[in-house]
Structures are given as structure tokens and as C-alpha cells.
């Protein structure tokens, strides 16, 4: 007789969060979109909220986890709007002279070229489907829904591939960008 192992707390939490994601992602994105007035930003905010909630762990019951998820999404939307307001005010106060940049030093130019090489290598090392999705979203600016429709996959599959691609690129660039890139 084969032994049956009970699910680990992490796999149970992952399953619970997956159910929450599948059941509430659309409603969370609509709520955030109403607050930030930007569909792509809303999708990114909700995805980030799920990542943060996953990292934080369960609050106990599904109801508690759901409440925390909605509160975190609401707070993230508020933070997004506050940050956008601060950026707008700061940019409005800049003069053209302040916007002018100094030419890059040779060391800066070399470091930038090395970072670009590392990014190119990281992109080459991604699985083909992950690379295709990552480039479409991050470089060409396609929405997750557009990518999903074009490739005949779900938006959730696109989101998973994006998360994988981003994590692999972050790991590859960590040495080049240090603590500024997290």
C-alpha cells in the first residue's frame, strides 16, 4: 500500500492563492482600473499584489486572505496614484536646464554596455515561448490579453511566463545592477 503524504503548508497556500487569483483577479483589476484609470497599470498592480501576498503567506482563513488581497490592491492603487502625483508635480517644477543630462563617462558607458550584454544573454537563455512573451510585453508593449489571443493561450499562462522571464532576467542582471534592481 502506497503511503499518502499530506500537502505541505506551502503547497496548500499556493493552491489557496491560485483559487483566489482565479476567482478574484478580474474583479480586482476592475477595481484598481477604476482607481488608476489605466488598464495595463491595473493588471501590473494586481499581479504585484498577488506576488506580495504570496510572499507574505496566508492570514489564516480564505475570507481573511481575500480581505487582505482586496485591501492590498486598494492600497497599491492609492500608492500608485500618490506616486504619479508626486512625479507630475516634480516634473512640472523642473526647468529645461535641470532636464539636461551630463554626458556619460567612459566607465558609465562601459557599464551600460555590459549590462545590455548581460540582458541580451539572459533573454537568449529564456525558453523560446517565455522569451517571445517577455519581449512582446516588455519591449513591444503588447497587453497580456493581446499576447494571449495571438498565441492561443490564457492570460494566466502569459502572466506565469512573464513572471518566470522577469525572475530569470533579474537573477542574470543582479551582479550588474546590485541592490538598485530588486
Protein backbone atom coordinates (compact mmCIF):
# COMPACT_ATOMS: atom_id res chain seq x y z
CA UNK A 1 0.00 0.00 0.00
CA UNK A 2 1.43 3.35 -1.04
CA UNK A 3 1.77 5.98 1.60
CA UNK A 4 -0.20 9.19 1.17
CA UNK A 5 1.54 12.38 2.09
CA UNK A 6 -0.39 15.37 3.22
CA UNK A 7 0.14 18.65 1.37
CA UNK A 8 2.81 20.91 2.75
CA UNK A 9 1.73 24.28 4.15
CA UNK A 10 3.40 25.99 1.17
CA UNK A 11 1.59 23.87 -1.42
CA UNK A 12 -1.69 24.39 0.43
CA UNK A 13 -1.10 28.16 0.47
CA UNK A 14 -0.13 28.09 -3.21
CA UNK A 15 -3.37 26.24 -4.01
CA UNK A 16 -5.40 28.65 -1.92
CA UNK A 17 -3.79 31.67 -3.57
CA UNK A 18 -4.30 30.12 -7.01
CA UNK A 19 -8.02 29.79 -6.26
CA UNK A 20 -8.11 33.40 -5.02
CA UNK A 21 -6.27 34.58 -8.13
CA UNK A 22 -8.58 32.71 -10.49
CA UNK A 23 -11.69 33.81 -8.62
CA UNK A 24 -10.86 37.45 -7.95
CA UNK A 25 -8.25 38.67 -10.47
CA UNK A 26 -10.81 40.15 -12.85
CA UNK A 27 -12.74 41.94 -10.13
CA UNK A 28 -9.51 43.22 -8.53
CA UNK A 29 -8.28 44.53 -11.89
CA UNK A 30 -11.58 46.32 -12.48
CA UNK A 31 -11.45 47.86 -9.00
CA UNK A 32 -7.86 49.01 -9.47
CA UNK A 33 -8.54 50.20 -13.05
CA UNK A 34 -11.34 52.46 -11.77
CA UNK A 35 -8.90 53.97 -9.28
CA UNK A 36 -5.82 54.38 -11.52
CA UNK A 37 -7.63 54.84 -14.86
CA UNK A 38 -5.08 52.67 -16.68
CA UNK A 39 -5.82 49.05 -17.59
CA UNK A 40 -2.21 47.97 -18.04
CA UNK A 41 -1.13 49.59 -14.78
CA UNK A 42 -4.08 47.90 -13.07
CA UNK A 43 -3.02 44.48 -14.38
CA UNK A 44 0.56 45.09 -13.23
CA UNK A 45 -0.58 46.31 -9.81
CA UNK A 46 -2.81 43.28 -9.25
CA UNK A 47 -0.05 40.90 -10.33
CA UNK A 48 2.37 42.61 -7.93
CA UNK A 49 -0.20 42.42 -5.13
CA UNK A 50 -0.62 38.68 -5.64
CA UNK A 51 3.17 38.24 -5.57
CA UNK A 52 3.45 40.22 -2.33
CA UNK A 53 0.54 38.36 -0.73
CA UNK A 54 2.05 35.04 -1.77
CA UNK A 55 5.37 36.01 -0.24
CA UNK A 56 3.69 37.18 2.99
CA UNK A 57 1.79 33.93 3.46
CA UNK A 58 -1.73 33.11 4.50
CA UNK A 59 -3.59 35.12 7.12
CA UNK A 60 -5.48 32.03 8.18
CA UNK A 61 -8.86 31.58 6.54
CA UNK A 62 -9.82 32.08 2.89
CA UNK A 63 -12.03 35.00 3.94
CA UNK A 64 -9.12 36.69 5.73
CA UNK A 65 -6.84 36.10 2.74
CA UNK A 66 -9.49 37.55 0.39
CA UNK A 67 -9.94 40.65 2.58
CA UNK A 68 -6.19 41.18 2.72
CA UNK A 69 -5.96 40.77 -1.04
CA UNK A 70 -8.59 43.45 -1.69
CA UNK A 71 -7.11 45.80 0.92
CA UNK A 72 -3.63 45.34 -0.56
CA UNK A 73 -4.93 46.03 -4.08
CA UNK A 74 -6.80 49.13 -2.91
CA UNK A 75 -3.71 50.39 -1.07
CA UNK A 76 -1.46 49.65 -4.05
CA UNK A 77 -3.79 51.67 -6.29
CA UNK A 78 -3.70 54.57 -3.83
CA UNK A 79 0.12 54.34 -3.66
CA UNK A 80 0.28 54.29 -7.47
CA UNK A 81 -1.82 57.45 -7.70
CA UNK A 82 0.16 59.21 -4.98
CA UNK A 83 3.45 58.34 -6.70
CA UNK A 84 2.09 59.51 -10.06
CA UNK A 85 1.01 62.79 -8.48
CA UNK A 86 4.44 63.29 -6.91
CA UNK A 87 6.13 62.57 -10.25
CA UNK A 88 3.86 65.03 -12.06
CA UNK A 89 4.48 67.78 -9.51
CA UNK A 90 8.22 67.17 -9.54
CA UNK A 91 8.39 67.21 -13.34
CA UNK A 92 6.26 70.36 -13.51
CA UNK A 93 8.78 72.16 -11.32
CA UNK A 94 11.82 71.20 -13.41
CA UNK A 95 13.39 73.71 -15.75
CA UNK A 96 14.86 72.70 -19.13
CA UNK A 97 18.34 73.17 -17.69
CA UNK A 98 17.59 70.66 -14.97
CA UNK A 99 16.46 68.11 -17.54
CA UNK A 100 19.73 68.30 -19.44
CA UNK A 101 22.00 65.40 -18.61
CA UNK A 102 25.72 65.33 -18.43
CA UNK A 103 27.49 63.13 -20.96
CA UNK A 104 28.17 59.64 -19.68
CA UNK A 105 31.69 58.90 -18.53
CA UNK A 106 33.61 56.11 -20.22
CA UNK A 107 33.07 53.95 -17.14
CA UNK A 108 29.32 54.60 -17.21
CA UNK A 109 29.15 53.82 -20.93
CA UNK A 110 31.14 50.61 -20.43
CA UNK A 111 28.92 49.54 -17.51
CA UNK A 112 25.81 50.23 -19.58
CA UNK A 113 27.14 48.16 -22.50
CA UNK A 114 28.00 45.29 -20.14
CA UNK A 115 24.52 45.42 -18.60
CA UNK A 116 22.93 45.35 -22.06
CA UNK A 117 25.09 42.36 -22.99
CA UNK A 118 24.01 40.58 -19.81
CA UNK A 119 20.36 41.33 -20.60
CA UNK A 120 20.74 40.07 -24.17
CA UNK A 121 22.33 36.87 -22.85
CA UNK A 122 19.58 36.47 -20.24
CA UNK A 123 16.94 36.86 -22.96
CA UNK A 124 18.73 34.30 -25.16
CA UNK A 125 18.70 31.81 -22.29
CA UNK A 126 14.95 32.09 -21.74
CA UNK A 127 12.86 29.25 -23.15
CA UNK A 128 11.56 30.32 -26.59
CA UNK A 129 7.92 30.76 -25.52
CA UNK A 130 8.91 32.71 -22.39
CA UNK A 131 11.23 34.92 -24.45
CA UNK A 132 8.52 35.57 -27.05
CA UNK A 133 6.00 36.58 -24.37
CA UNK A 134 8.54 38.63 -22.40
CA UNK A 135 9.69 40.57 -25.47
CA UNK A 136 6.12 41.14 -26.65
CA UNK A 137 5.06 42.57 -23.27
CA UNK A 138 8.16 44.39 -22.05
CA UNK A 139 9.70 45.61 -25.31
CA UNK A 140 6.81 45.90 -27.77
CA UNK A 141 4.25 46.94 -25.15
CA UNK A 142 1.58 44.40 -26.05
CA UNK A 143 -1.01 43.74 -23.37
CA UNK A 144 -1.28 40.35 -21.71
CA UNK A 145 -4.66 39.85 -23.38
CA UNK A 146 -3.23 40.64 -26.83
CA UNK A 147 -0.38 38.20 -26.34
CA UNK A 148 -2.73 35.50 -25.06
CA UNK A 149 -5.06 35.93 -28.03
CA UNK A 150 -2.20 35.88 -30.54
CA UNK A 151 -0.62 32.76 -29.03
CA UNK A 152 -3.87 30.96 -28.27
CA UNK A 153 -3.19 30.68 -24.54
CA UNK A 154 -4.85 32.07 -21.43
CA UNK A 155 -3.94 35.41 -19.91
CA UNK A 156 -2.91 33.46 -16.81
CA UNK A 157 -0.40 31.45 -18.89
CA UNK A 158 1.04 34.72 -20.23
CA UNK A 159 1.30 36.09 -16.68
CA UNK A 160 3.13 32.96 -15.49
CA UNK A 161 5.60 33.15 -18.37
CA UNK A 162 6.18 36.86 -17.73
CA UNK A 163 6.88 36.21 -14.07
CA UNK A 164 9.35 33.45 -14.95
CA UNK A 165 11.08 35.60 -17.55
CA UNK A 166 11.31 38.58 -15.24
CA UNK A 167 12.75 36.49 -12.42
CA UNK A 168 15.37 34.93 -14.69
CA UNK A 169 16.36 38.35 -16.07
CA UNK A 170 16.55 39.79 -12.56
CA UNK A 171 18.85 36.97 -11.48
CA UNK A 172 21.06 37.46 -14.55
CA UNK A 173 21.30 41.24 -14.01
CA UNK A 174 21.72 41.19 -10.23
CA UNK A 175 25.53 41.39 -10.47
CA UNK A 176 25.33 44.33 -12.87
CA UNK A 177 22.69 46.38 -11.11
CA UNK A 178 23.28 45.46 -7.47
CA UNK A 179 20.79 46.50 -4.81
CA UNK A 180 19.17 49.07 -7.12
CA UNK A 181 17.47 46.23 -9.02
CA UNK A 182 15.07 44.23 -6.93
